[in-house]
Amino acid sequence: MTKDYWIKNLAAGFWGSLRGRSIPEGFRRHAAMRITLLSLLLLCLAAATPARAELHITRDHGGYVEEYKTKYKRVREKGERVIIDGICNSACTLVLGIVPMNKICVTPRASLGFHQAYYDKAFTFGIKVTSSEGTSDLMSYYPDKVKDWIRRNGGLTTDMKKIKNGVELWKIVDPCPEEW
Protein backbone atom coordinates (compact mmCIF):
# COMPACT_ATOMS: atom_id res chain seq x y z
CA MET A 1 0.00 0.00 0.00
CA THR A 2 1.38 3.32 -1.03
CA LYS A 3 1.60 6.58 0.83
CA ASP A 4 -1.03 8.05 -1.50
CA TYR A 5 -3.39 5.21 -0.63
CA TRP A 6 -3.10 5.99 3.10
CA ILE A 7 -3.45 9.73 2.58
CA LYS A 8 -6.50 9.27 0.37
CA ASN A 9 -8.21 6.87 2.82
CA LEU A 10 -7.36 8.92 5.89
CA ALA A 11 -8.75 12.06 4.30
CA ALA A 12 -11.81 10.20 3.02
CA GLY A 13 -12.48 8.74 6.47
CA PHE A 14 -11.97 12.09 8.13
CA TRP A 15 -14.24 13.87 5.73
CA GLY A 16 -16.78 11.04 5.53
CA SER A 17 -19.45 13.30 6.96
CA LEU A 18 -19.53 15.05 3.58
CA ARG A 19 -21.18 12.03 1.95
CA GLY A 20 -22.15 12.34 -1.65
CA ARG A 21 -19.89 15.31 -2.24
CA SER A 22 -16.69 15.04 -4.15
CA ILE A 23 -13.59 16.24 -2.38
CA PRO A 24 -10.77 17.50 -4.58
CA GLU A 25 -7.60 15.36 -4.35
CA GLY A 26 -5.42 18.32 -3.33
CA PHE A 27 -7.79 19.18 -0.49
CA ARG A 28 -7.71 15.61 0.84
CA ARG A 29 -3.93 15.53 0.78
CA HIS A 30 -3.79 18.92 2.55
CA ALA A 31 -6.25 17.77 5.25
CA ALA A 32 -4.27 14.58 5.89
CA MET A 33 -1.03 16.53 6.20
CA ARG A 34 -2.64 18.95 8.68
CA ILE A 35 -3.88 16.05 10.80
CA THR A 36 -0.41 14.48 10.79
CA LEU A 37 1.30 17.77 11.64
CA LEU A 38 -1.16 18.42 14.45
CA SER A 39 -0.50 14.94 15.87
CA LEU A 40 3.25 15.53 15.75
CA LEU A 41 2.88 18.90 17.43
CA LEU A 42 0.81 17.41 20.26
CA LEU A 43 3.31 14.59 20.69
CA CYS A 44 6.20 17.07 20.92
CA LEU A 45 4.33 19.17 23.49
CA ALA A 46 3.61 16.11 25.61
CA ALA A 47 7.28 15.08 25.49
CA ALA A 48 8.48 18.59 26.35
CA THR A 49 6.16 18.98 29.35
CA PRO A 50 7.98 18.07 32.57
CA ALA A 51 6.67 14.93 34.22
CA ARG A 52 5.01 15.43 37.56
CA ALA A 53 7.32 13.41 39.73
CA GLU A 54 5.36 12.89 42.90
CA LEU A 55 3.30 10.28 44.66
CA HIS A 56 0.14 11.67 46.21
CA ILE A 57 -1.20 9.43 49.03
CA THR A 58 -4.82 10.19 49.90
CA ARG A 59 -6.52 6.99 51.04
CA ASP A 60 -4.14 4.08 51.43
CA HIS A 61 -5.10 1.43 53.98
CA GLY A 62 -2.06 -0.76 53.29
CA GLY A 63 -1.64 -4.19 51.80
CA TYR A 64 1.17 -6.59 51.03
CA VAL A 65 4.43 -5.41 52.55
CA GLU A 66 6.60 -6.69 49.69
CA GLU A 67 4.53 -4.77 47.12
CA TYR A 68 4.97 -1.56 49.11
CA LYS A 69 8.71 -2.12 49.44
CA THR A 70 8.98 -2.47 45.66
CA LYS A 71 6.77 0.55 45.00
CA TYR A 72 8.64 2.84 47.39
CA LYS A 73 12.07 1.70 46.22
CA ARG A 74 11.01 2.70 42.70
CA VAL A 75 9.85 6.11 44.01
CA ARG A 76 13.19 6.56 45.82
CA GLU A 77 15.23 5.58 42.75
CA LYS A 78 13.34 8.08 40.59
CA GLY A 79 13.86 10.85 43.16
CA GLU A 80 10.11 11.48 43.39
CA ARG A 81 8.46 13.43 46.17
CA VAL A 82 5.72 11.94 48.32
CA ILE A 83 2.80 13.99 49.59
CA ILE A 84 0.73 12.33 52.31
CA ASP A 85 -2.62 14.06 51.94
CA GLY A 86 -4.92 11.68 53.79
CA ILE A 87 -4.85 8.18 55.24
CA CYS A 88 -1.59 6.23 55.13
CA ASN A 89 -2.03 3.10 57.24
CA SER A 90 -0.26 -0.19 57.72
CA ALA A 91 2.20 -1.09 54.92
CA CYS A 92 1.73 2.38 53.43
CA THR A 93 3.80 3.74 56.32
CA LEU A 94 6.87 1.94 54.94
CA VAL A 95 7.29 5.06 52.82
CA LEU A 96 8.80 6.70 55.91
CA GLY A 97 11.69 4.24 55.94
CA ILE A 98 12.32 3.76 52.22
CA VAL A 99 11.91 7.20 50.63
CA PRO A 100 14.26 9.87 52.08
CA MET A 101 12.44 12.00 54.65
CA ASN A 102 13.40 15.21 52.82
CA LYS A 103 11.26 13.95 49.91
CA ILE A 104 8.15 13.37 52.08
CA CYS A 105 5.70 15.90 53.47
CA VAL A 106 2.24 15.91 55.05
CA THR A 107 -0.79 18.12 54.49
CA PRO A 108 -3.39 19.06 57.14
CA ARG A 109 -5.47 16.01 56.05
CA ALA A 110 -2.65 13.50 56.69
CA SER A 111 -2.79 10.66 59.20
CA LEU A 112 -0.55 7.66 59.75
CA GLY A 113 -1.68 4.33 61.20
CA PHE A 114 0.56 1.59 62.61
CA HIS A 115 -0.20 -1.97 63.79
CA GLN A 116 1.42 -5.39 63.95
CA ALA A 117 1.95 -7.26 60.71
CA TYR A 118 -0.48 -10.07 59.83
CA TYR A 119 -0.25 -13.15 57.70
CA ASP A 120 -2.40 -13.10 54.59
CA LYS A 121 -5.87 -14.24 55.70
CA ALA A 122 -6.11 -16.38 52.56
CA PHE A 123 -3.62 -18.72 54.25
CA THR A 124 -5.11 -18.58 57.76
CA PHE A 125 -8.73 -19.49 56.95
CA GLY A 126 -9.86 -15.85 57.26
CA ILE A 127 -8.47 -15.41 60.76
CA LYS A 128 -6.12 -12.53 61.59
CA VAL A 129 -2.86 -14.07 62.74
CA THR A 130 -0.04 -11.72 63.69
CA SER A 131 3.44 -12.23 62.33
CA SER A 132 6.31 -11.44 64.68
CA GLU A 133 8.77 -11.74 61.78
CA GLY A 134 6.67 -9.38 59.66
CA THR A 135 6.37 -6.92 62.54
CA SER A 136 10.15 -6.99 63.09
CA ASP A 137 10.65 -6.44 59.37
CA LEU A 138 8.34 -3.39 59.40
CA MET A 139 10.11 -1.93 62.43
CA SER A 140 13.51 -2.41 60.79
CA TYR A 141 12.51 0.00 58.01
CA TYR A 142 11.17 2.81 60.16
CA PRO A 143 13.42 5.78 61.01
CA ASP A 144 14.23 6.38 64.69
CA LYS A 145 11.61 9.15 65.03
CA VAL A 146 8.87 6.68 64.02
CA LYS A 147 10.24 3.90 66.25
CA ASP A 148 10.35 6.33 69.20
CA TRP A 149 6.72 7.36 68.65
CA ILE A 150 5.63 3.72 68.43
CA ARG A 151 7.50 2.86 71.65
CA ARG A 152 6.06 5.90 73.49
CA ASN A 153 2.59 4.72 72.45
CA GLY A 154 2.88 1.13 73.69
CA GLY A 155 4.58 -0.55 70.71
CA LEU A 156 2.89 -2.19 67.77
CA THR A 157 -0.24 -4.11 68.72
CA THR A 158 -3.20 -5.59 66.90
CA ASP A 159 -4.98 -2.24 67.30
CA MET A 160 -4.29 0.58 64.84
CA LYS A 161 -2.38 3.43 66.46
CA LYS A 162 -2.86 6.69 64.60
CA ILE A 163 -1.04 9.98 64.40
CA LYS A 164 -3.20 12.75 63.01
CA ASN A 165 -2.02 16.07 61.67
CA GLY A 166 -0.44 18.32 64.26
CA VAL A 167 2.71 18.79 66.30
CA GLU A 168 3.11 15.07 67.02
CA LEU A 169 3.06 14.22 63.30
CA TRP A 170 5.30 17.18 62.41
CA LYS A 171 7.98 15.82 64.77
CA ILE A 172 8.20 12.88 62.34
CA VAL A 173 7.35 14.35 58.91
CA ASP A 174 7.59 17.96 57.77
CA PRO A 175 4.43 19.78 56.68
CA CYS A 176 4.26 20.35 52.93
CA PRO A 177 5.58 23.72 51.78
CA GLU A 178 3.26 25.94 49.75
CA GLU A 179 5.11 25.33 46.47
CA TRP A 180 4.63 21.53 46.63
C-alpha atoms as a PDB file:
ATOM      1  CA  MET A   1       0.000   0.000   0.000  1.00  0.00           C
ATOM      2  CA  THR A   2       1.382   3.324  -1.032  1.00  0.00           C
ATOM      3  CA  LYS A   3       1.598   6.583   0.830  1.00  0.00           C
ATOM      4  CA  ASP A   4      -1.025   8.054  -1.500  1.00  0.00           C
ATOM      5  CA  TYR A   5      -3.391   5.205  -0.635  1.00  0.00           C
ATOM      6  CA  TRP A   6      -3.101   5.988   3.098  1.00  0.00           C
ATOM      7  CA  ILE A   7      -3.454   9.731   2.578  1.00  0.00           C
ATOM      8  CA  LYS A   8      -6.497   9.269   0.368  1.00  0.00           C
ATOM      9  CA  ASN A   9      -8.213   6.870   2.821  1.00  0.00           C
ATOM     10  CA  LEU A  10      -7.360   8.922   5.889  1.00  0.00           C
ATOM     11  CA  ALA A  11      -8.755  12.064   4.299  1.00  0.00           C
ATOM     12  CA  ALA A  12     -11.809  10.198   3.018  1.00  0.00           C
ATOM     13  CA  GLY A  13     -12.477   8.745   6.469  1.00  0.00           C
ATOM     14  CA  PHE A  14     -11.970  12.093   8.133  1.00  0.00           C
ATOM     15  CA  TRP A  15     -14.245  13.873   5.732  1.00  0.00           C
ATOM     16  CA  GLY A  16     -16.781  11.039   5.533  1.00  0.00           C
ATOM     17  CA  SER A  17     -19.448  13.303   6.957  1.00  0.00           C
ATOM     18  CA  LEU A  18     -19.531  15.052   3.584  1.00  0.00           C
ATOM     19  CA  ARG A  19     -21.182  12.032   1.950  1.00  0.00           C
ATOM     20  CA  GLY A  20     -22.148  12.340  -1.645  1.00  0.00           C
ATOM     21  CA  ARG A  21     -19.891  15.307  -2.240  1.00  0.00           C
ATOM     22  CA  SER A  22     -16.693  15.037  -4.153  1.00  0.00           C
ATOM     23  CA  ILE A  23     -13.591  16.243  -2.378  1.00  0.00           C
ATOM     24  CA  PRO A  24     -10.773  17.504  -4.579  1.00  0.00           C
ATOM     25  CA  GLU A  25      -7.597  15.362  -4.346  1.00  0.00           C
ATOM     26  CA  GLY A  26      -5.424  18.323  -3.329  1.00  0.00           C
ATOM     27  CA  PHE A  27      -7.788  19.184  -0.493  1.00  0.00           C
ATOM     28  CA  ARG A  28      -7.710  15.608   0.839  1.00  0.00           C
ATOM     29  CA  ARG A  29      -3.930  15.532   0.783  1.00  0.00           C
ATOM     30  CA  HIS A  30      -3.792  18.925   2.549  1.00  0.00           C
ATOM     31  CA  ALA A  31      -6.246  17.768   5.245  1.00  0.00           C
ATOM     32  CA  ALA A  32      -4.271  14.578   5.887  1.00  0.00           C
ATOM     33  CA  MET A  33      -1.031  16.527   6.200  1.00  0.00           C
ATOM     34  CA  ARG A  34      -2.638  18.948   8.676  1.00  0.00           C
ATOM     35  CA  ILE A  35      -3.878  16.048  10.798  1.00  0.00           C
ATOM     36  CA  THR A  36      -0.409  14.476  10.787  1.00  0.00           C
ATOM     37  CA  LEU A  37       1.301  17.769  11.641  1.00  0.00           C
ATOM     38  CA  LEU A  38      -1.163  18.419  14.452  1.00  0.00           C
ATOM     39  CA  SER A  39      -0.495  14.940  15.867  1.00  0.00           C
ATOM     40  CA  LEU A  40       3.255  15.525  15.752  1.00  0.00           C
ATOM     41  CA  LEU A  41       2.876  18.899  17.431  1.00  0.00           C
ATOM     42  CA  LEU A  42       0.807  17.406  20.260  1.00  0.00           C
ATOM     43  CA  LEU A  43       3.315  14.586  20.692  1.00  0.00           C
ATOM     44  CA  CYS A  44       6.205  17.071  20.921  1.00  0.00           C
ATOM     45  CA  LEU A  45       4.331  19.167  23.485  1.00  0.00           C
ATOM     46  CA  ALA A  46       3.615  16.106  25.608  1.00  0.00           C
ATOM     47  CA  ALA A  47       7.279  15.084  25.490  1.00  0.00           C
ATOM     48  CA  ALA A  48       8.483  18.587  26.352  1.00  0.00           C
ATOM     49  CA  THR A  49       6.162  18.979  29.346  1.00  0.00           C
ATOM     50  CA  PRO A  50       7.983  18.066  32.567  1.00  0.00           C
ATOM     51  CA  ALA A  51       6.668  14.927  34.216  1.00  0.00           C
ATOM     52  CA  ARG A  52       5.013  15.430  37.557  1.00  0.00           C
ATOM     53  CA  ALA A  53       7.319  13.406  39.731  1.00  0.00           C
ATOM     54  CA  GLU A  54       5.365  12.889  42.899  1.00  0.00           C
ATOM     55  CA  LEU A  55       3.304  10.282  44.665  1.00  0.00           C
ATOM     56  CA  HIS A  56       0.135  11.667  46.213  1.00  0.00           C
ATOM     57  CA  ILE A  57      -1.199   9.432  49.026  1.00  0.00           C
ATOM     58  CA  THR A  58      -4.822  10.191  49.895  1.00  0.00           C
ATOM     59  CA  ARG A  59      -6.521   6.988  51.041  1.00  0.00           C
ATOM     60  CA  ASP A  60      -4.144   4.077  51.434  1.00  0.00           C
ATOM     61  CA  HIS A  61      -5.101   1.429  53.979  1.00  0.00           C
ATOM     62  CA  GLY A  62      -2.064  -0.759  53.293  1.00  0.00           C
ATOM     63  CA  GLY A  63      -1.640  -4.191  51.796  1.00  0.00           C
ATOM     64  CA  TYR A  64       1.166  -6.591  51.030  1.00  0.00           C
ATOM     65  CA  VAL A  65       4.433  -5.406  52.548  1.00  0.00           C
ATOM     66  CA  GLU A  66       6.605  -6.691  49.686  1.00  0.00           C
ATOM     67  CA  GLU A  67       4.526  -4.769  47.123  1.00  0.00           C
ATOM     68  CA  TYR A  68       4.970  -1.557  49.108  1.00  0.00           C
ATOM     69  CA  LYS A  69       8.715  -2.122  49.444  1.00  0.00           C
ATOM     70  CA  THR A  70       8.985  -2.472  45.661  1.00  0.00           C
ATOM     71  CA  LYS A  71       6.771   0.552  45.001  1.00  0.00           C
ATOM     72  CA  TYR A  72       8.636   2.845  47.389  1.00  0.00           C
ATOM     73  CA  LYS A  73      12.071   1.696  46.223  1.00  0.00           C
ATOM     74  CA  ARG A  74      11.011   2.703  42.699  1.00  0.00           C
ATOM     75  CA  VAL A  75       9.847   6.106  44.007  1.00  0.00           C
ATOM     76  CA  ARG A  76      13.191   6.556  45.816  1.00  0.00           C
ATOM     77  CA  GLU A  77      15.235   5.583  42.754  1.00  0.00           C
ATOM     78  CA  LYS A  78      13.339   8.080  40.588  1.00  0.00           C
ATOM     79  CA  GLY A  79      13.858  10.848  43.157  1.00  0.00           C
ATOM     80  CA  GLU A  80      10.114  11.478  43.393  1.00  0.00           C
ATOM     81  CA  ARG A  81       8.459  13.433  46.174  1.00  0.00           C
ATOM     82  CA  VAL A  82       5.718  11.937  48.323  1.00  0.00           C
ATOM     83  CA  ILE A  83       2.804  13.991  49.585  1.00  0.00           C
ATOM     84  CA  ILE A  84       0.733  12.331  52.310  1.00  0.00           C
ATOM     85  CA  ASP A  85      -2.617  14.058  51.943  1.00  0.00           C
ATOM     86  CA  GLY A  86      -4.919  11.685  53.785  1.00  0.00           C
ATOM     87  CA  ILE A  87      -4.851   8.182  55.235  1.00  0.00           C
ATOM     88  CA  CYS A  88      -1.587   6.230  55.127  1.00  0.00           C
ATOM     89  CA  ASN A  89      -2.025   3.100  57.242  1.00  0.00           C
ATOM     90  CA  SER A  90      -0.258  -0.189  57.724  1.00  0.00           C
ATOM     91  CA  ALA A  91       2.199  -1.094  54.925  1.00  0.00           C
ATOM     92  CA  CYS A  92       1.728   2.378  53.428  1.00  0.00           C
ATOM     93  CA  THR A  93       3.798   3.743  56.325  1.00  0.00           C
ATOM     94  CA  LEU A  94       6.867   1.941  54.944  1.00  0.00           C
ATOM     95  CA  VAL A  95       7.290   5.059  52.818  1.00  0.00           C
ATOM     96  CA  LEU A  96       8.805   6.698  55.907  1.00  0.00           C
ATOM     97  CA  GLY A  97      11.688   4.237  55.940  1.00  0.00           C
ATOM     98  CA  ILE A  98      12.317   3.755  52.225  1.00  0.00           C
ATOM     99  CA  VAL A  99      11.915   7.202  50.632  1.00  0.00           C
ATOM    100  CA  PRO A 100      14.258   9.872  52.080  1.00  0.00           C
ATOM    101  CA  MET A 101      12.441  12.000  54.653  1.00  0.00           C
ATOM    102  CA  ASN A 102      13.404  15.208  52.820  1.00  0.00           C
ATOM    103  CA  LYS A 103      11.261  13.954  49.908  1.00  0.00           C
ATOM    104  CA  ILE A 104       8.151  13.367  52.075  1.00  0.00           C
ATOM    105  CA  CYS A 105       5.697  15.900  53.466  1.00  0.00           C
ATOM    106  CA  VAL A 106       2.239  15.910  55.052  1.00  0.00           C
ATOM    107  CA  THR A 107      -0.790  18.115  54.492  1.00  0.00           C
ATOM    108  CA  PRO A 108      -3.391  19.059  57.144  1.00  0.00           C
ATOM    109  CA  ARG A 109      -5.471  16.008  56.054  1.00  0.00           C
ATOM    110  CA  ALA A 110      -2.655  13.502  56.694  1.00  0.00           C
ATOM    111  CA  SER A 111      -2.790  10.664  59.199  1.00  0.00           C
ATOM    112  CA  LEU A 112      -0.546   7.662  59.752  1.00  0.00           C
ATOM    113  CA  GLY A 113      -1.675   4.329  61.198  1.00  0.00           C
ATOM    114  CA  PHE A 114       0.555   1.589  62.615  1.00  0.00           C
ATOM    115  CA  HIS A 115      -0.204  -1.968  63.793  1.00  0.00           C
ATOM    116  CA  GLN A 116       1.424  -5.390  63.950  1.00  0.00           C
ATOM    117  CA  ALA A 117       1.948  -7.263  60.713  1.00  0.00           C
ATOM    118  CA  TYR A 118      -0.477 -10.065  59.828  1.00  0.00           C
ATOM    119  CA  TYR A 119      -0.246 -13.152  57.702  1.00  0.00           C
ATOM    120  CA  ASP A 120      -2.403 -13.100  54.593  1.00  0.00           C
ATOM    121  CA  LYS A 121      -5.875 -14.235  55.699  1.00  0.00           C
ATOM    122  CA  ALA A 122      -6.114 -16.382  52.565  1.00  0.00           C
ATOM    123  CA  PHE A 123      -3.615 -18.723  54.254  1.00  0.00           C
ATOM    124  CA  THR A 124      -5.108 -18.575  57.759  1.00  0.00           C
ATOM    125  CA  PHE A 125      -8.735 -19.490  56.955  1.00  0.00           C
ATOM    126  CA  GLY A 126      -9.855 -15.850  57.258  1.00  0.00           C
ATOM    127  CA  ILE A 127      -8.471 -15.409  60.757  1.00  0.00           C
ATOM    128  CA  LYS A 128      -6.116 -12.525  61.586  1.00  0.00           C
ATOM    129  CA  VAL A 129      -2.856 -14.075  62.735  1.00  0.00           C
ATOM    130  CA  THR A 130      -0.042 -11.721  63.686  1.00  0.00           C
ATOM    131  CA  SER A 131       3.441 -12.232  62.326  1.00  0.00           C
ATOM    132  CA  SER A 132       6.309 -11.444  64.683  1.00  0.00           C
ATOM    133  CA  GLU A 133       8.773 -11.743  61.780  1.00  0.00           C
ATOM    134  CA  GLY A 134       6.674  -9.380  59.662  1.00  0.00           C
ATOM    135  CA  THR A 135       6.366  -6.921  62.536  1.00  0.00           C
ATOM    136  CA  SER A 136      10.153  -6.986  63.094  1.00  0.00           C
ATOM    137  CA  ASP A 137      10.646  -6.438  59.367  1.00  0.00           C
ATOM    138  CA  LEU A 138       8.341  -3.392  59.405  1.00  0.00           C
ATOM    139  CA  MET A 139      10.107  -1.932  62.427  1.00  0.00           C
ATOM    140  CA  SER A 140      13.510  -2.407  60.792  1.00  0.00           C
ATOM    141  CA  TYR A 141      12.507  -0.002  58.012  1.00  0.00           C
ATOM    142  CA  TYR A 142      11.169   2.812  60.161  1.00  0.00           C
ATOM    143  CA  PRO A 143      13.423   5.782  61.013  1.00  0.00           C
ATOM    144  CA  ASP A 144      14.231   6.383  64.686  1.00  0.00           C
ATOM    145  CA  LYS A 145      11.607   9.146  65.032  1.00  0.00           C
ATOM    146  CA  VAL A 146       8.869   6.682  64.024  1.00  0.00           C
ATOM    147  CA  LYS A 147      10.242   3.902  66.248  1.00  0.00           C
ATOM    148  CA  ASP A 148      10.351   6.332  69.202  1.00  0.00           C
ATOM    149  CA  TRP A 149       6.718   7.363  68.647  1.00  0.00           C
ATOM    150  CA  ILE A 150       5.632   3.716  68.426  1.00  0.00           C
ATOM    151  CA  ARG A 151       7.498   2.860  71.654  1.00  0.00           C
ATOM    152  CA  ARG A 152       6.057   5.898  73.488  1.00  0.00           C
ATOM    153  CA  ASN A 153       2.587   4.720  72.449  1.00  0.00           C
ATOM    154  CA  GLY A 154       2.875   1.132  73.694  1.00  0.00           C
ATOM    155  CA  GLY A 155       4.576  -0.550  70.715  1.00  0.00           C
ATOM    156  CA  LEU A 156       2.893  -2.185  67.768  1.00  0.00           C
ATOM    157  CA  THR A 157      -0.235  -4.114  68.722  1.00  0.00           C
ATOM    158  CA  THR A 158      -3.200  -5.590  66.901  1.00  0.00           C
ATOM    159  CA  ASP A 159      -4.977  -2.240  67.299  1.00  0.00           C
ATOM    160  CA  MET A 160      -4.291   0.581  64.842  1.00  0.00           C
ATOM    161  CA  LYS A 161      -2.375   3.433  66.456  1.00  0.00           C
ATOM    162  CA  LYS A 162      -2.858   6.691  64.597  1.00  0.00           C
ATOM    163  CA  ILE A 163      -1.043   9.979  64.396  1.00  0.00           C
ATOM    164  CA  LYS A 164      -3.202  12.748  63.012  1.00  0.00           C
ATOM    165  CA  ASN A 165      -2.018  16.070  61.665  1.00  0.00           C
ATOM    166  CA  GLY A 166      -0.437  18.315  64.265  1.00  0.00           C
ATOM    167  CA  VAL A 167       2.712  18.788  66.296  1.00  0.00           C
ATOM    168  CA  GLU A 168       3.114  15.073  67.020  1.00  0.00           C
ATOM    169  CA  LEU A 169       3.060  14.219  63.299  1.00  0.00           C
ATOM    170  CA  TRP A 170       5.300  17.178  62.409  1.00  0.00           C
ATOM    171  CA  LYS A 171       7.976  15.819  64.767  1.00  0.00           C
ATOM    172  CA  ILE A 172       8.203  12.881  62.343  1.00  0.00           C
ATOM    173  CA  VAL A 173       7.346  14.349  58.913  1.00  0.00           C
ATOM    174  CA  ASP A 174       7.587  17.962  57.774  1.00  0.00           C
ATOM    175  CA  PRO A 175       4.426  19.783  56.683  1.00  0.00           C
ATOM    176  CA  CYS A 176       4.264  20.354  52.930  1.00  0.00           C
ATOM    177  CA  PRO A 177       5.582  23.724  51.780  1.00  0.00           C
ATOM    178  CA  GLU A 178       3.261  25.938  49.752  1.00  0.00           C
ATOM    179  CA  GLU A 179       5.109  25.333  46.467  1.00  0.00           C
ATOM    180  CA  TRP A 180       4.634  21.531  46.632  1.00  0.00           C
END
